[in-house]
N, C-alpha and C. Protein backbone atom coordinates (compact mmCIF):
# COMPACT_ATOMS: atom_id res chain seq x y z
N MET A 1 -44.38 51.02 -7.53
CA MET A 1 -43.75 52.32 -7.54
C MET A 1 -42.31 52.13 -7.98
N PRO A 2 -41.86 52.95 -8.95
CA PRO A 2 -40.46 52.81 -9.39
C PRO A 2 -39.50 53.20 -8.27
N ARG A 3 -38.40 52.48 -8.23
CA ARG A 3 -37.40 52.72 -7.19
C ARG A 3 -36.70 54.07 -7.36
N PHE A 4 -36.46 54.48 -8.60
CA PHE A 4 -35.81 55.75 -8.89
C PHE A 4 -36.61 56.50 -9.93
N ALA A 5 -36.49 57.81 -9.92
CA ALA A 5 -37.12 58.62 -10.97
C ALA A 5 -36.37 58.36 -12.26
N PRO A 6 -37.08 58.33 -13.40
CA PRO A 6 -36.39 58.12 -14.66
C PRO A 6 -35.43 59.28 -14.95
N TYR A 7 -34.35 58.96 -15.63
CA TYR A 7 -33.38 59.98 -15.99
C TYR A 7 -34.03 61.00 -16.91
N GLN A 8 -33.79 62.27 -16.62
CA GLN A 8 -34.25 63.35 -17.48
C GLN A 8 -33.08 64.29 -17.69
N GLU A 9 -32.71 64.50 -18.94
CA GLU A 9 -31.63 65.44 -19.23
C GLU A 9 -32.12 66.84 -18.90
N ARG A 10 -31.25 67.61 -18.29
CA ARG A 10 -31.63 68.97 -17.93
C ARG A 10 -31.65 69.85 -19.18
N THR A 11 -32.61 70.73 -19.20
CA THR A 11 -32.72 71.67 -20.31
C THR A 11 -31.88 72.91 -20.00
N ALA A 12 -31.86 73.85 -20.92
CA ALA A 12 -31.11 75.09 -20.71
C ALA A 12 -31.53 75.68 -19.36
N GLY A 13 -30.57 76.08 -18.58
CA GLY A 13 -30.86 76.60 -17.25
C GLY A 13 -30.74 75.51 -16.19
N GLY A 14 -30.98 74.27 -16.58
CA GLY A 14 -30.76 73.13 -15.71
C GLY A 14 -31.56 73.10 -14.43
N GLU A 15 -32.68 73.75 -14.37
CA GLU A 15 -33.46 73.80 -13.14
C GLU A 15 -34.36 72.58 -13.00
N ARG A 16 -34.63 72.22 -11.78
CA ARG A 16 -35.58 71.17 -11.47
C ARG A 16 -36.97 71.78 -11.46
N GLY A 17 -37.96 70.94 -11.25
CA GLY A 17 -39.32 71.44 -11.11
C GLY A 17 -39.43 72.29 -9.85
N ASP A 18 -40.54 72.97 -9.73
CA ASP A 18 -40.75 73.83 -8.56
C ASP A 18 -40.75 72.99 -7.30
N ALA A 19 -40.10 73.52 -6.29
CA ALA A 19 -40.12 72.87 -4.98
C ALA A 19 -41.54 72.88 -4.47
N PRO A 20 -41.94 71.81 -3.81
CA PRO A 20 -43.30 71.80 -3.26
C PRO A 20 -43.52 72.99 -2.33
N GLU A 21 -44.64 73.64 -2.48
CA GLU A 21 -44.98 74.77 -1.61
C GLU A 21 -45.01 74.31 -0.16
N GLY A 22 -44.36 75.04 0.69
CA GLY A 22 -44.39 74.73 2.10
C GLY A 22 -43.61 73.48 2.49
N LEU A 23 -42.64 73.08 1.67
CA LEU A 23 -41.83 71.90 2.03
C LEU A 23 -41.19 72.16 3.39
N ARG A 24 -41.39 71.23 4.29
CA ARG A 24 -40.88 71.35 5.65
C ARG A 24 -40.12 70.08 5.99
N VAL A 25 -38.89 70.24 6.46
CA VAL A 25 -38.07 69.11 6.90
C VAL A 25 -37.93 69.22 8.41
N ARG A 26 -38.16 68.10 9.09
CA ARG A 26 -38.11 68.09 10.55
C ARG A 26 -37.64 66.71 11.01
N PRO A 27 -37.23 66.62 12.29
CA PRO A 27 -36.87 65.30 12.83
C PRO A 27 -38.10 64.37 12.80
N ALA A 28 -37.86 63.12 12.48
CA ALA A 28 -38.95 62.14 12.46
C ALA A 28 -39.47 61.92 13.87
N ALA A 29 -40.76 61.59 13.95
CA ALA A 29 -41.42 61.35 15.23
C ALA A 29 -42.18 60.03 15.15
N PRO A 30 -42.52 59.44 16.29
CA PRO A 30 -43.24 58.16 16.26
C PRO A 30 -44.51 58.19 15.40
N GLU A 31 -45.20 59.33 15.37
CA GLU A 31 -46.44 59.39 14.58
C GLU A 31 -46.20 59.37 13.07
N ASP A 32 -44.95 59.42 12.61
CA ASP A 32 -44.62 59.31 11.19
C ASP A 32 -44.53 57.85 10.73
N ARG A 33 -44.63 56.94 11.67
CA ARG A 33 -44.40 55.52 11.39
C ARG A 33 -45.16 54.99 10.19
N ASP A 34 -46.47 55.15 10.15
CA ASP A 34 -47.26 54.54 9.09
C ASP A 34 -46.94 55.12 7.71
N ALA A 35 -46.77 56.45 7.63
CA ALA A 35 -46.48 57.08 6.34
C ALA A 35 -45.09 56.67 5.84
N VAL A 36 -44.10 56.65 6.73
CA VAL A 36 -42.75 56.25 6.33
C VAL A 36 -42.74 54.78 5.93
N ALA A 37 -43.40 53.94 6.71
CA ALA A 37 -43.45 52.50 6.39
C ALA A 37 -44.10 52.27 5.03
N ALA A 38 -45.17 52.99 4.73
CA ALA A 38 -45.84 52.83 3.43
C ALA A 38 -44.93 53.26 2.29
N LEU A 39 -44.19 54.35 2.47
CA LEU A 39 -43.28 54.81 1.43
C LEU A 39 -42.14 53.82 1.21
N VAL A 40 -41.54 53.34 2.28
CA VAL A 40 -40.44 52.38 2.15
C VAL A 40 -40.95 51.07 1.54
N HIS A 41 -42.12 50.63 1.96
CA HIS A 41 -42.72 49.41 1.41
C HIS A 41 -42.95 49.56 -0.09
N ALA A 42 -43.48 50.69 -0.52
CA ALA A 42 -43.75 50.89 -1.94
C ALA A 42 -42.48 50.94 -2.77
N CYS A 43 -41.40 51.46 -2.20
CA CYS A 43 -40.15 51.59 -2.95
C CYS A 43 -39.25 50.37 -2.86
N ASP A 44 -39.23 49.72 -1.69
CA ASP A 44 -38.26 48.65 -1.45
C ASP A 44 -38.87 47.26 -1.29
N GLY A 45 -40.20 47.17 -1.25
CA GLY A 45 -40.82 45.86 -1.04
C GLY A 45 -40.84 45.50 0.43
N GLY A 46 -40.84 44.22 0.71
CA GLY A 46 -40.96 43.77 2.10
C GLY A 46 -42.40 43.90 2.55
N THR A 47 -42.60 43.91 3.85
CA THR A 47 -43.96 44.04 4.37
C THR A 47 -44.09 45.34 5.16
N LEU A 48 -45.31 45.83 5.23
CA LEU A 48 -45.56 47.02 6.04
C LEU A 48 -45.18 46.78 7.49
N GLU A 49 -45.47 45.59 7.99
CA GLU A 49 -45.15 45.27 9.38
C GLU A 49 -43.65 45.37 9.64
N GLU A 50 -42.84 44.85 8.70
CA GLU A 50 -41.38 44.94 8.85
C GLU A 50 -40.92 46.39 8.90
N HIS A 51 -41.47 47.20 8.01
CA HIS A 51 -41.04 48.60 7.94
C HIS A 51 -41.54 49.40 9.13
N ARG A 52 -42.74 49.10 9.61
CA ARG A 52 -43.22 49.77 10.82
C ARG A 52 -42.31 49.43 12.00
N ALA A 53 -41.99 48.15 12.15
CA ALA A 53 -41.14 47.72 13.25
C ALA A 53 -39.74 48.34 13.14
N GLY A 54 -39.20 48.40 11.94
CA GLY A 54 -37.88 49.00 11.75
C GLY A 54 -37.86 50.47 12.10
N PHE A 55 -38.91 51.19 11.70
CA PHE A 55 -39.00 52.61 12.02
C PHE A 55 -39.15 52.81 13.52
N GLU A 56 -40.01 52.03 14.15
CA GLU A 56 -40.19 52.13 15.60
C GLU A 56 -38.87 51.89 16.34
N LYS A 57 -38.13 50.90 15.88
CA LYS A 57 -36.84 50.58 16.50
C LYS A 57 -35.87 51.74 16.33
N GLU A 58 -35.83 52.32 15.13
CA GLU A 58 -34.94 53.45 14.85
C GLU A 58 -35.27 54.64 15.75
N ILE A 59 -36.54 54.97 15.87
CA ILE A 59 -36.95 56.11 16.69
C ILE A 59 -36.74 55.81 18.17
N ALA A 60 -37.07 54.61 18.61
CA ALA A 60 -36.92 54.25 20.02
C ALA A 60 -35.46 54.26 20.45
N ALA A 61 -34.56 53.90 19.54
CA ALA A 61 -33.14 53.86 19.87
C ALA A 61 -32.61 55.25 20.17
N ALA A 62 -33.13 56.26 19.50
CA ALA A 62 -32.74 57.66 19.71
C ALA A 62 -31.24 57.80 19.88
N ARG A 63 -30.48 57.21 18.96
CA ARG A 63 -29.02 57.27 19.04
C ARG A 63 -28.54 58.69 18.82
N ALA A 64 -27.60 59.10 19.62
CA ALA A 64 -27.05 60.45 19.49
C ALA A 64 -26.31 60.65 18.19
N ASP A 65 -25.86 59.56 17.55
CA ASP A 65 -25.09 59.69 16.31
C ASP A 65 -25.93 59.48 15.06
N THR A 66 -27.24 59.35 15.20
CA THR A 66 -28.12 59.10 14.06
C THR A 66 -29.17 60.18 13.96
N LEU A 67 -29.39 60.62 12.74
CA LEU A 67 -30.40 61.64 12.48
C LEU A 67 -31.42 61.05 11.51
N VAL A 68 -32.69 61.09 11.88
CA VAL A 68 -33.77 60.61 11.01
C VAL A 68 -34.69 61.81 10.76
N LEU A 69 -34.86 62.17 9.49
CA LEU A 69 -35.66 63.33 9.11
C LEU A 69 -36.81 62.92 8.20
N VAL A 70 -37.88 63.69 8.23
CA VAL A 70 -38.97 63.55 7.27
C VAL A 70 -39.19 64.90 6.60
N ALA A 71 -39.65 64.86 5.36
CA ALA A 71 -40.04 66.06 4.63
C ALA A 71 -41.54 65.96 4.37
N GLU A 72 -42.23 67.06 4.60
CA GLU A 72 -43.67 67.12 4.38
C GLU A 72 -43.99 68.26 3.42
N ALA A 73 -45.00 68.06 2.61
CA ALA A 73 -45.50 69.12 1.73
C ALA A 73 -46.95 68.78 1.40
N ASP A 74 -47.73 69.80 1.22
CA ASP A 74 -49.14 69.60 0.87
C ASP A 74 -49.84 68.66 1.85
N GLY A 75 -49.41 68.68 3.11
CA GLY A 75 -50.03 67.83 4.13
C GLY A 75 -49.70 66.36 4.01
N ARG A 76 -48.70 66.02 3.19
CA ARG A 76 -48.32 64.61 2.98
C ARG A 76 -46.83 64.42 3.20
N LEU A 77 -46.46 63.17 3.43
CA LEU A 77 -45.05 62.82 3.53
C LEU A 77 -44.44 62.93 2.13
N ALA A 78 -43.41 63.75 2.00
CA ALA A 78 -42.72 63.88 0.72
C ALA A 78 -41.52 62.94 0.65
N GLY A 79 -40.91 62.65 1.81
CA GLY A 79 -39.76 61.76 1.82
C GLY A 79 -39.17 61.66 3.21
N TRP A 80 -38.13 60.86 3.31
CA TRP A 80 -37.42 60.72 4.58
C TRP A 80 -35.97 60.40 4.31
N ALA A 81 -35.14 60.69 5.30
CA ALA A 81 -33.71 60.45 5.16
C ALA A 81 -33.14 60.05 6.51
N ARG A 82 -32.02 59.34 6.43
CA ARG A 82 -31.31 58.94 7.65
C ARG A 82 -29.82 59.18 7.40
N ALA A 83 -29.16 59.74 8.42
CA ALA A 83 -27.72 59.97 8.35
C ALA A 83 -27.11 59.55 9.68
N ARG A 84 -25.88 59.10 9.61
CA ARG A 84 -25.18 58.68 10.83
C ARG A 84 -23.82 59.38 10.88
N TRP A 85 -23.44 59.79 12.07
CA TRP A 85 -22.15 60.45 12.28
C TRP A 85 -21.03 59.44 12.24
N PHE A 86 -19.98 59.75 11.48
CA PHE A 86 -18.78 58.93 11.44
C PHE A 86 -17.69 59.66 12.18
N SER A 87 -17.09 59.00 13.15
CA SER A 87 -15.95 59.54 13.89
C SER A 87 -14.72 58.72 13.56
N HIS A 88 -13.58 59.37 13.57
CA HIS A 88 -12.33 58.65 13.32
C HIS A 88 -12.08 57.60 14.39
N PRO A 89 -11.60 56.45 13.99
CA PRO A 89 -11.20 55.45 14.99
C PRO A 89 -9.90 55.92 15.67
N PRO A 90 -9.56 55.31 16.79
CA PRO A 90 -8.27 55.64 17.41
C PRO A 90 -7.15 55.34 16.41
N GLU A 91 -6.20 56.22 16.34
CA GLU A 91 -5.05 56.06 15.44
C GLU A 91 -5.51 55.75 14.01
N PRO A 92 -6.24 56.66 13.39
CA PRO A 92 -6.77 56.39 12.04
C PRO A 92 -5.66 56.38 10.99
N PRO A 93 -5.87 55.61 9.93
CA PRO A 93 -4.90 55.64 8.83
C PRO A 93 -4.96 56.99 8.12
N ALA A 94 -3.96 57.28 7.31
CA ALA A 94 -3.88 58.57 6.62
C ALA A 94 -5.07 58.78 5.66
N ASN A 95 -5.62 57.71 5.13
CA ASN A 95 -6.68 57.83 4.14
C ASN A 95 -8.08 57.67 4.73
N VAL A 96 -8.23 57.90 6.04
CA VAL A 96 -9.53 57.75 6.68
C VAL A 96 -10.49 58.82 6.15
N ALA A 97 -11.74 58.46 6.05
CA ALA A 97 -12.76 59.42 5.60
C ALA A 97 -12.88 60.56 6.61
N PRO A 98 -13.30 61.73 6.15
CA PRO A 98 -13.50 62.84 7.09
C PRO A 98 -14.62 62.55 8.07
N GLU A 99 -14.52 63.11 9.27
CA GLU A 99 -15.62 62.98 10.22
C GLU A 99 -16.81 63.79 9.70
N GLY A 100 -17.98 63.31 9.96
CA GLY A 100 -19.18 64.02 9.55
C GLY A 100 -20.36 63.09 9.41
N TYR A 101 -21.50 63.66 9.07
CA TYR A 101 -22.69 62.85 8.82
C TYR A 101 -22.60 62.25 7.42
N TYR A 102 -22.93 60.97 7.33
CA TYR A 102 -22.99 60.26 6.04
C TYR A 102 -24.41 59.76 5.86
N LEU A 103 -24.97 60.04 4.70
CA LEU A 103 -26.33 59.57 4.43
C LEU A 103 -26.33 58.06 4.32
N SER A 104 -27.33 57.45 4.94
CA SER A 104 -27.50 56.01 4.77
C SER A 104 -28.77 55.73 3.98
N GLY A 105 -29.48 56.76 3.59
CA GLY A 105 -30.63 56.56 2.72
C GLY A 105 -31.51 57.79 2.62
N VAL A 106 -32.07 57.98 1.44
CA VAL A 106 -33.06 59.01 1.17
C VAL A 106 -34.10 58.38 0.26
N ILE A 107 -35.35 58.49 0.63
CA ILE A 107 -36.44 58.02 -0.23
C ILE A 107 -37.44 59.15 -0.36
N VAL A 108 -37.81 59.45 -1.60
CA VAL A 108 -38.79 60.50 -1.88
C VAL A 108 -39.96 59.89 -2.63
N SER A 109 -41.15 60.27 -2.23
CA SER A 109 -42.38 59.82 -2.90
C SER A 109 -42.35 60.27 -4.36
N PRO A 110 -42.81 59.43 -5.28
CA PRO A 110 -42.80 59.81 -6.70
C PRO A 110 -43.48 61.15 -6.98
N ALA A 111 -44.49 61.51 -6.23
CA ALA A 111 -45.19 62.78 -6.45
C ALA A 111 -44.31 63.99 -6.17
N PHE A 112 -43.21 63.79 -5.43
CA PHE A 112 -42.35 64.90 -5.06
C PHE A 112 -40.95 64.79 -5.65
N ARG A 113 -40.72 63.81 -6.49
CA ARG A 113 -39.40 63.64 -7.08
C ARG A 113 -39.10 64.73 -8.10
N ARG A 114 -37.81 65.02 -8.23
CA ARG A 114 -37.30 66.02 -9.16
C ARG A 114 -37.83 67.42 -8.86
N ARG A 115 -38.15 67.64 -7.58
CA ARG A 115 -38.67 68.95 -7.18
C ARG A 115 -37.91 69.51 -5.98
N GLY A 116 -36.80 68.89 -5.62
CA GLY A 116 -35.96 69.44 -4.57
C GLY A 116 -36.12 68.83 -3.19
N ALA A 117 -37.04 67.88 -3.02
CA ALA A 117 -37.24 67.29 -1.69
C ALA A 117 -36.00 66.52 -1.23
N ALA A 118 -35.43 65.70 -2.09
CA ALA A 118 -34.23 64.94 -1.71
C ALA A 118 -33.05 65.87 -1.45
N ALA A 119 -32.93 66.91 -2.26
CA ALA A 119 -31.83 67.86 -2.06
C ALA A 119 -31.97 68.55 -0.70
N GLU A 120 -33.18 68.92 -0.32
CA GLU A 120 -33.38 69.57 0.97
C GLU A 120 -33.14 68.61 2.12
N LEU A 121 -33.61 67.38 1.99
CA LEU A 121 -33.34 66.38 3.03
C LEU A 121 -31.83 66.18 3.19
N THR A 122 -31.13 66.10 2.07
CA THR A 122 -29.68 65.90 2.10
C THR A 122 -28.99 67.10 2.74
N ARG A 123 -29.38 68.31 2.34
CA ARG A 123 -28.78 69.52 2.94
C ARG A 123 -28.98 69.53 4.45
N ARG A 124 -30.18 69.23 4.88
CA ARG A 124 -30.47 69.27 6.32
C ARG A 124 -29.72 68.17 7.06
N ALA A 125 -29.64 66.99 6.47
CA ALA A 125 -28.96 65.88 7.14
C ALA A 125 -27.45 66.08 7.19
N CYS A 126 -26.92 66.81 6.23
CA CYS A 126 -25.47 66.90 6.12
C CYS A 126 -24.89 68.27 6.42
N GLY A 127 -25.70 69.20 6.87
CA GLY A 127 -25.15 70.44 7.36
C GLY A 127 -25.24 71.65 6.47
N GLY A 128 -26.05 71.62 5.45
CA GLY A 128 -26.12 72.75 4.55
C GLY A 128 -27.16 73.79 4.90
N SER A 129 -27.67 73.78 6.11
CA SER A 129 -28.65 74.79 6.51
C SER A 129 -28.41 75.18 7.96
N PRO A 130 -28.88 76.35 8.35
CA PRO A 130 -28.66 76.78 9.73
C PRO A 130 -29.24 75.83 10.77
N SER A 131 -30.24 75.05 10.39
CA SER A 131 -30.82 74.12 11.37
C SER A 131 -30.33 72.70 11.15
N ALA A 132 -29.12 72.58 10.60
CA ALA A 132 -28.53 71.27 10.35
C ALA A 132 -28.15 70.62 11.67
N PRO A 133 -27.93 69.31 11.63
CA PRO A 133 -27.63 68.60 12.87
C PRO A 133 -26.26 68.94 13.42
N PRO A 134 -26.12 68.88 14.73
CA PRO A 134 -24.82 69.10 15.35
C PRO A 134 -24.00 67.82 15.32
N ARG A 135 -22.73 67.97 15.62
CA ARG A 135 -21.89 66.80 15.84
C ARG A 135 -22.41 66.16 17.11
N PRO A 136 -22.61 64.84 17.12
CA PRO A 136 -23.15 64.21 18.32
C PRO A 136 -22.17 64.30 19.48
N SER A 137 -22.72 64.40 20.66
CA SER A 137 -21.89 64.41 21.85
C SER A 137 -21.54 62.97 22.20
N THR A 138 -20.65 62.81 23.14
CA THR A 138 -20.30 61.46 23.56
C THR A 138 -21.35 60.89 24.50
N SER A 139 -22.27 61.73 24.94
CA SER A 139 -23.32 61.26 25.83
C SER A 139 -24.38 60.52 25.03
N PRO A 140 -24.96 59.45 25.58
CA PRO A 140 -25.96 58.69 24.86
C PRO A 140 -27.35 59.33 24.87
N ALA A 141 -27.49 60.50 25.47
CA ALA A 141 -28.80 61.15 25.54
C ALA A 141 -29.32 61.46 24.15
N PRO A 142 -30.60 61.23 23.88
CA PRO A 142 -31.13 61.51 22.55
C PRO A 142 -31.10 63.00 22.25
N ARG A 143 -30.93 63.30 20.98
CA ARG A 143 -30.88 64.68 20.51
C ARG A 143 -32.17 64.94 19.73
N THR A 144 -32.88 65.98 20.10
CA THR A 144 -34.14 66.25 19.43
C THR A 144 -34.10 67.51 18.58
N ALA A 145 -33.25 68.47 18.90
CA ALA A 145 -33.22 69.70 18.13
C ALA A 145 -31.80 69.99 17.65
N PRO A 146 -31.61 70.20 16.33
CA PRO A 146 -30.29 70.54 15.83
C PRO A 146 -29.77 71.82 16.46
N ARG A 147 -28.45 71.87 16.72
CA ARG A 147 -27.87 73.03 17.37
C ARG A 147 -26.83 73.76 16.54
N ARG A 148 -26.06 73.08 15.71
CA ARG A 148 -25.04 73.76 14.92
C ARG A 148 -24.75 72.96 13.66
N ARG A 149 -24.01 73.56 12.77
CA ARG A 149 -23.71 72.93 11.49
C ARG A 149 -22.70 71.81 11.60
N SER A 150 -22.80 70.91 10.65
CA SER A 150 -21.84 69.84 10.50
C SER A 150 -21.58 69.71 9.00
N THR A 151 -20.66 68.88 8.61
CA THR A 151 -20.41 68.71 7.19
C THR A 151 -20.83 67.32 6.76
N CYS A 152 -21.14 67.20 5.53
CA CYS A 152 -21.49 65.90 4.97
C CYS A 152 -20.37 65.50 4.04
N ALA A 153 -19.80 64.37 4.29
CA ALA A 153 -18.67 63.92 3.49
C ALA A 153 -19.11 63.06 2.33
N SER A 154 -20.30 62.53 2.36
CA SER A 154 -20.73 61.61 1.32
C SER A 154 -22.25 61.59 1.28
N ALA A 155 -22.78 61.20 0.14
CA ALA A 155 -24.24 61.05 0.03
C ALA A 155 -24.54 59.89 -0.88
N SER A 156 -25.51 59.09 -0.47
CA SER A 156 -26.01 58.02 -1.33
C SER A 156 -27.50 58.00 -1.13
N SER A 157 -28.22 57.46 -2.09
CA SER A 157 -29.67 57.45 -1.93
C SER A 157 -30.21 56.09 -2.30
N SER A 158 -31.37 55.81 -1.76
CA SER A 158 -32.06 54.57 -2.06
C SER A 158 -33.16 54.86 -3.03
């Protein structure tokens, strides 16, 4: 599986392909393990066992400052994304990055590339929708449902 979709110059109007019907983005759950592991394995190599274990560890940690999302369409995994909240250190320098969620990865299945799945995952992870993640509290309790908007200061993808 190619790591990235091939470059395609946009035509007049610059629109992407149609978004998958019924694209749904939600917090990742333990039952997403096998589908996410298979997607990461196909794109990044390694072993399925490594990716299953990594996903289990990520979900089990339930860090208040980390958001793990999956996108589904047509009854299949379309992609997944992870973002982590960055807070200013004590006495930050003048050029410190803004506080907010920063993407640490987005992977979209080739069948759903160039159709808006990554854009929707990014919007949800970084605060561009009403159900975007909240700023994490200082409490270590896991967060399961987004409560308010946040901003995304940066985005990168895998």
